[in-house]
Protein backbone atom coordinates (compact mmCIF):
# COMPACT_ATOMS: atom_id res chain seq x y z
CA UNK A 1 -28.17 -77.99 151.27
CA UNK A 2 -25.26 -76.08 149.76
CA UNK A 3 -26.21 -77.34 146.31
CA UNK A 4 -29.81 -76.22 146.80
CA UNK A 5 -28.95 -72.80 148.26
CA UNK A 6 -26.24 -72.12 145.67
CA UNK A 7 -28.51 -72.94 142.75
CA UNK A 8 -31.33 -70.95 144.39
CA UNK A 9 -29.09 -67.89 144.60
CA UNK A 10 -28.01 -68.32 140.99
CA UNK A 11 -31.62 -68.76 139.86
CA UNK A 12 -32.73 -65.66 141.77
CA UNK A 13 -30.41 -63.51 139.67
CA UNK A 14 -32.70 -64.29 136.73
CA UNK A 15 -35.31 -62.12 138.44
CA UNK A 16 -32.73 -59.44 139.26
CA UNK A 17 -31.62 -59.26 135.64
CA UNK A 18 -35.21 -58.71 134.47
CA UNK A 19 -35.83 -55.75 136.81
CA UNK A 20 -35.11 -53.05 134.15
CA UNK A 21 -38.31 -53.97 132.28
CA UNK A 22 -40.33 -52.80 135.31
CA UNK A 23 -38.99 -49.30 134.72
CA UNK A 24 -39.40 -49.36 130.94
CA UNK A 25 -35.66 -49.41 130.33
CA UNK A 26 -35.37 -52.00 127.59
CA UNK A 27 -31.86 -52.27 126.11
CA UNK A 28 -31.28 -52.44 122.39
CA UNK A 29 -31.14 -55.74 120.52
CA UNK A 30 -27.36 -55.32 120.13
CA UNK A 31 -26.94 -54.93 123.89
CA UNK A 32 -29.08 -58.00 124.54
CA UNK A 33 -27.02 -60.05 122.08
CA UNK A 34 -23.85 -58.83 123.81
CA UNK A 35 -25.30 -59.96 127.15
CA UNK A 36 -26.36 -63.35 125.81
CA UNK A 37 -22.90 -63.79 124.29
CA UNK A 38 -21.48 -63.10 127.74
CA UNK A 39 -23.80 -65.77 129.15
CA UNK A 40 -22.58 -68.27 126.55
CA UNK A 41 -18.95 -67.53 127.43
CA UNK A 42 -19.58 -68.05 131.14
CA UNK A 43 -21.35 -71.35 130.51
CA UNK A 44 -18.64 -72.52 128.10
CA UNK A 45 -15.86 -71.86 130.59
CA UNK A 46 -17.84 -73.41 133.43
CA UNK A 47 -18.46 -76.54 131.37
CA UNK A 48 -14.76 -77.18 130.87
CA UNK A 49 -12.96 -75.70 133.87
CA UNK A 50 -15.55 -76.44 136.57
CA UNK A 51 -17.08 -79.68 135.28
CA UNK A 52 -15.13 -81.57 132.59
CA UNK A 53 -11.64 -81.18 134.09
CA UNK A 54 -12.85 -82.12 137.62
CA UNK A 55 -14.68 -85.09 136.06
CA UNK A 56 -11.42 -86.33 134.55
CA UNK A 57 -9.62 -85.78 137.88
CA UNK A 58 -12.32 -87.79 139.69
CA UNK A 59 -12.20 -90.67 137.21
CA UNK A 60 -8.43 -91.08 136.88
CA UNK A 61 -7.70 -92.58 140.35
CA UNK A 62 -10.23 -95.39 139.73
CA UNK A 63 -8.57 -96.79 136.60
CA UNK A 64 -5.08 -97.91 135.64
CA UNK A 65 -5.94 -97.60 131.98
CA UNK A 66 -5.44 -93.98 130.90
CA UNK A 67 -8.09 -94.25 128.22
CA UNK A 68 -10.90 -95.25 130.59
CA UNK A 69 -11.35 -91.87 132.36
CA UNK A 70 -11.45 -90.06 129.02
CA UNK A 71 -13.96 -92.57 127.65
CA UNK A 72 -16.24 -92.18 130.70
CA UNK A 73 -16.21 -88.39 130.48
CA UNK A 74 -16.81 -88.40 126.72
CA UNK A 75 -19.76 -90.79 127.02
CA UNK A 76 -21.26 -88.79 129.90
CA UNK A 77 -20.94 -85.52 127.92
CA UNK A 78 -22.76 -87.09 124.98
CA UNK A 79 -25.44 -88.46 127.31
CA UNK A 80 -25.97 -85.00 128.78
CA UNK A 81 -26.31 -83.45 125.34
CA UNK A 82 -28.64 -86.23 124.24
CA UNK A 83 -30.86 -85.79 127.32
CA UNK A 84 -31.45 -82.09 126.63
CA UNK A 85 -31.90 -82.77 122.92
CA UNK A 86 -34.54 -85.37 123.79
CA UNK A 87 -36.38 -82.91 126.06
CA UNK A 88 -36.13 -80.30 123.34
CA UNK A 89 -37.72 -82.75 120.89
CA UNK A 90 -40.38 -84.41 123.04
CA UNK A 91 -41.65 -81.64 125.33
CA UNK A 92 -44.04 -79.14 123.74
CA UNK A 93 -42.45 -75.70 123.85
CA UNK A 94 -42.11 -72.53 121.87
CA UNK A 95 -39.03 -70.49 120.99
CA UNK A 96 -39.18 -66.73 120.89
CA UNK A 97 -38.41 -66.46 117.18
CA UNK A 98 -38.68 -69.84 115.51
CA UNK A 99 -42.07 -70.69 117.01
CA UNK A 100 -43.54 -73.92 118.36
CA UNK A 101 -41.52 -77.14 118.49
CA UNK A 102 -42.18 -80.58 119.92
CA UNK A 103 -45.52 -82.44 119.97
CA UNK A 104 -48.72 -80.56 119.25
CA UNK A 105 -50.04 -78.96 122.43
CA UNK A 106 -52.91 -76.71 121.39
CA UNK A 107 -54.49 -76.90 124.83
CA UNK A 108 -51.46 -75.36 126.51
CA UNK A 109 -51.51 -71.62 126.85
CA UNK A 110 -48.73 -69.73 125.14
CA UNK A 111 -47.20 -68.59 128.41
CA UNK A 112 -46.74 -72.20 129.57
CA UNK A 113 -45.05 -73.07 126.30
CA UNK A 114 -42.54 -70.35 127.04
CA UNK A 115 -42.05 -71.57 130.59
CA UNK A 116 -41.41 -75.16 129.40
CA UNK A 117 -38.84 -73.89 126.90
CA UNK A 118 -36.95 -71.92 129.55
CA UNK A 119 -37.16 -74.85 131.96
CA UNK A 120 -35.36 -77.03 129.41
CA UNK A 121 -32.56 -74.47 129.29
CA UNK A 122 -32.27 -73.62 133.01
CA UNK A 123 -32.46 -77.09 134.54
CA UNK A 124 -28.95 -78.14 133.38
CA UNK A 125 -27.53 -74.98 134.96
CA UNK A 126 -29.01 -75.85 138.34
CA UNK A 127 -27.85 -79.44 137.91
CA UNK A 128 -24.30 -78.21 137.25
CA UNK A 129 -24.26 -76.01 140.37
CA UNK A 130 -25.61 -78.85 142.50
CA UNK A 131 -23.04 -81.31 141.17
CA UNK A 132 -20.31 -78.76 141.84
CA UNK A 133 -21.29 -78.35 145.49
CA UNK A 134 -21.97 -82.07 145.92
CA UNK A 135 -18.53 -83.01 144.62
CA UNK A 136 -16.29 -80.26 145.97
CA UNK A 137 -18.18 -78.34 148.64
CA UNK A 138 -17.72 -74.58 148.59
CA UNK A 139 -14.57 -74.77 146.47
CA UNK A 140 -16.27 -76.88 143.82
CA UNK A 141 -19.62 -75.13 143.76
CA UNK A 142 -18.99 -71.44 144.48
CA UNK A 143 -17.28 -70.57 141.17
CA UNK A 144 -20.08 -72.33 139.27
CA UNK A 145 -22.81 -70.61 141.30
CA UNK A 146 -21.25 -67.19 140.70
CA UNK A 147 -20.71 -67.87 137.00
CA UNK A 148 -24.19 -69.25 136.42
CA UNK A 149 -25.67 -66.38 138.43
CA UNK A 150 -23.80 -63.83 136.31
CA UNK A 151 -25.12 -65.35 133.09
CA UNK A 152 -28.66 -65.68 134.50
CA UNK A 153 -29.03 -61.90 134.81
CA UNK A 154 -28.86 -61.11 131.06
CA UNK A 155 -30.86 -64.28 130.36
CA UNK A 156 -33.66 -63.08 132.65
CA UNK A 157 -33.69 -59.72 130.90
CA UNK A 158 -33.86 -61.39 127.49
CA UNK A 159 -36.82 -63.53 128.60
CA UNK A 160 -38.75 -60.55 130.00
CA UNK A 161 -38.08 -58.37 126.96
CA UNK A 162 -39.18 -61.15 124.60
CA UNK A 163 -42.39 -61.67 126.57
CA UNK A 164 -43.13 -57.94 126.45
CA UNK A 165 -42.67 -58.16 122.72
CA UNK A 166 -45.45 -60.76 122.73
CA UNK A 167 -47.79 -58.32 124.46
CA UNK A 168 -47.32 -59.19 128.13
CA UNK A 169 -47.49 -56.41 130.75
CA UNK A 170 -44.26 -55.36 132.43
CA UNK A 171 -45.02 -56.92 135.81
CA UNK A 172 -46.25 -60.19 134.32
CA UNK A 173 -43.22 -60.43 132.02
CA UNK A 174 -40.92 -59.88 134.99
CA UNK A 175 -42.81 -62.43 137.09
CA UNK A 176 -42.56 -65.14 134.43
CA UNK A 177 -38.86 -64.43 133.91
CA UNK A 178 -38.32 -64.70 137.66
CA UNK A 179 -40.17 -68.02 137.83
CA UNK A 180 -38.03 -69.54 135.08
CA UNK A 181 -35.01 -69.23 137.37
CA UNK A 182 -36.74 -71.17 140.13
CA UNK A 183 -36.27 -74.47 138.31
CA UNK A 184 -32.54 -74.25 139.03
CA UNK A 185 -32.80 -75.14 142.77
CA UNK A 186 -34.62 -78.33 141.74
CA UNK A 187 -31.76 -79.29 139.45
CA UNK A 188 -29.28 -78.24 142.13
CA UNK A 189 -30.89 -80.43 144.77
CA UNK A 190 -31.01 -83.40 142.39
CA UNK A 191 -27.40 -83.01 141.26
CA UNK A 192 -25.99 -82.56 144.77
CA UNK A 193 -28.10 -85.43 146.14
CA UNK A 194 -27.03 -87.94 143.52
CA UNK A 195 -23.34 -87.10 143.85
CA UNK A 196 -23.43 -87.10 147.67
CA UNK A 197 -25.12 -90.50 147.83
CA UNK A 198 -22.94 -92.22 145.26
CA UNK A 199 -19.33 -91.12 144.87
CA UNK A 200 -18.62 -93.44 141.88
CA UNK A 201 -21.18 -91.41 139.91
CA UNK A 202 -19.15 -88.22 140.40
CA UNK A 203 -17.32 -88.16 137.04
CA UNK A 204 -20.51 -89.19 135.26
CA UNK A 205 -22.54 -86.46 136.96
CA UNK A 206 -20.00 -83.71 136.33
CA UNK A 207 -19.58 -84.58 132.65
CA UNK A 208 -23.32 -85.12 132.14
CA UNK A 209 -24.02 -81.61 133.48
CA UNK A 210 -21.32 -80.23 131.21
CA UNK A 211 -22.82 -81.92 128.16
CA UNK A 212 -26.26 -80.53 128.98
CA UNK A 213 -24.85 -77.01 129.22
CA UNK A 214 -22.85 -77.39 126.00
CA UNK A 215 -26.00 -78.38 124.13
CA UNK A 216 -27.83 -75.28 125.37
CA UNK A 217 -24.90 -73.06 124.34
CA UNK A 218 -24.66 -74.50 120.83
CA UNK A 219 -28.33 -75.07 120.07
CA UNK A 220 -29.92 -72.01 121.67
CA UNK A 221 -27.76 -69.18 122.91
CA UNK A 222 -25.16 -68.70 120.17
CA UNK A 223 -27.64 -69.00 117.25
CA UNK A 224 -29.92 -66.47 119.01
CA UNK A 225 -27.08 -63.94 119.39
CA UNK A 226 -26.11 -64.22 115.70
CA UNK A 227 -29.62 -63.98 114.28
CA UNK A 228 -29.87 -60.18 114.11
CA UNK A 229 -26.45 -59.36 112.68
CA UNK A 230 -24.72 -58.55 115.98
CA UNK A 231 -22.31 -61.47 115.92
CA UNK A 232 -19.27 -59.23 116.56
CA UNK A 233 -20.78 -57.92 119.80
CA UNK A 234 -21.93 -61.42 120.73
CA UNK A 235 -18.41 -62.78 120.21
CA UNK A 236 -16.99 -59.94 122.32
CA UNK A 237 -19.44 -60.83 125.09
CA UNK A 238 -18.52 -64.51 124.82
CA UNK A 239 -14.81 -63.68 125.12
CA UNK A 240 -15.35 -61.53 128.21
CA UNK A 241 -17.65 -64.10 129.82
CA UNK A 242 -15.26 -66.99 129.16
CA UNK A 243 -12.18 -65.21 130.53
CA UNK A 244 -14.07 -63.83 133.56
CA UNK A 245 -15.34 -67.30 134.45
CA UNK A 246 -11.83 -68.74 134.02
CA UNK A 247 -10.49 -66.06 136.38
CA UNK A 248 -13.20 -66.76 138.96
CA UNK A 249 -12.63 -70.50 138.77
CA UNK A 250 -8.89 -70.16 139.37
CA UNK A 251 -9.29 -67.45 142.03
CA UNK A 252 -12.11 -69.04 144.01
CA UNK A 253 -11.30 -72.69 143.30
């Protein structure tokens, strides 16, 4: 329940972040890249400090061989990255700038292509929050939920602004952005359920969620923030997001 509620709260902040479009206050491209850079920094810190390090700590007591925990975590990270890469390749979806990817899906309306794309990106975040709560209760999940929630706000704004650029009305753009965050409770429930039912899967689940998030950071968020020549602002945002998430993890964890 904690995993579900925590990921639900984090996903809801996607809708909160998109609220400015309802009032016509659309930030500049540079500001949006700064915000997305912040989101990348939060996710990067969360991947390592809230997922990978706890995964190593969970694996070490089970093995006398010091190399085994590291091998498990490395394999699980690669599996997580591969899973998102496979979804990115096989599911029909459309990116805001580079256009349609995946199998041909002419029958799907454009809006659903957008929703599938955002689902691919948001599901690992909910999974990470759920695994955090499932493995460590409030201490394990709260820093992740706060960090993911903080990065969801600028992400929701970016989604709504991009949809408005495609001709969607303000209210509809906000509604779609809000709905994209609602996939996170599903991932949260799945992650928390798996970890709660099977403790030996804990290091695998933590590292798998981290790998999924790392793929999203590298493949989607950072390239998007550098595409319009605002890489300095994006890097500043990443630095602030990373250090803020590190502070929250140490303070709350």
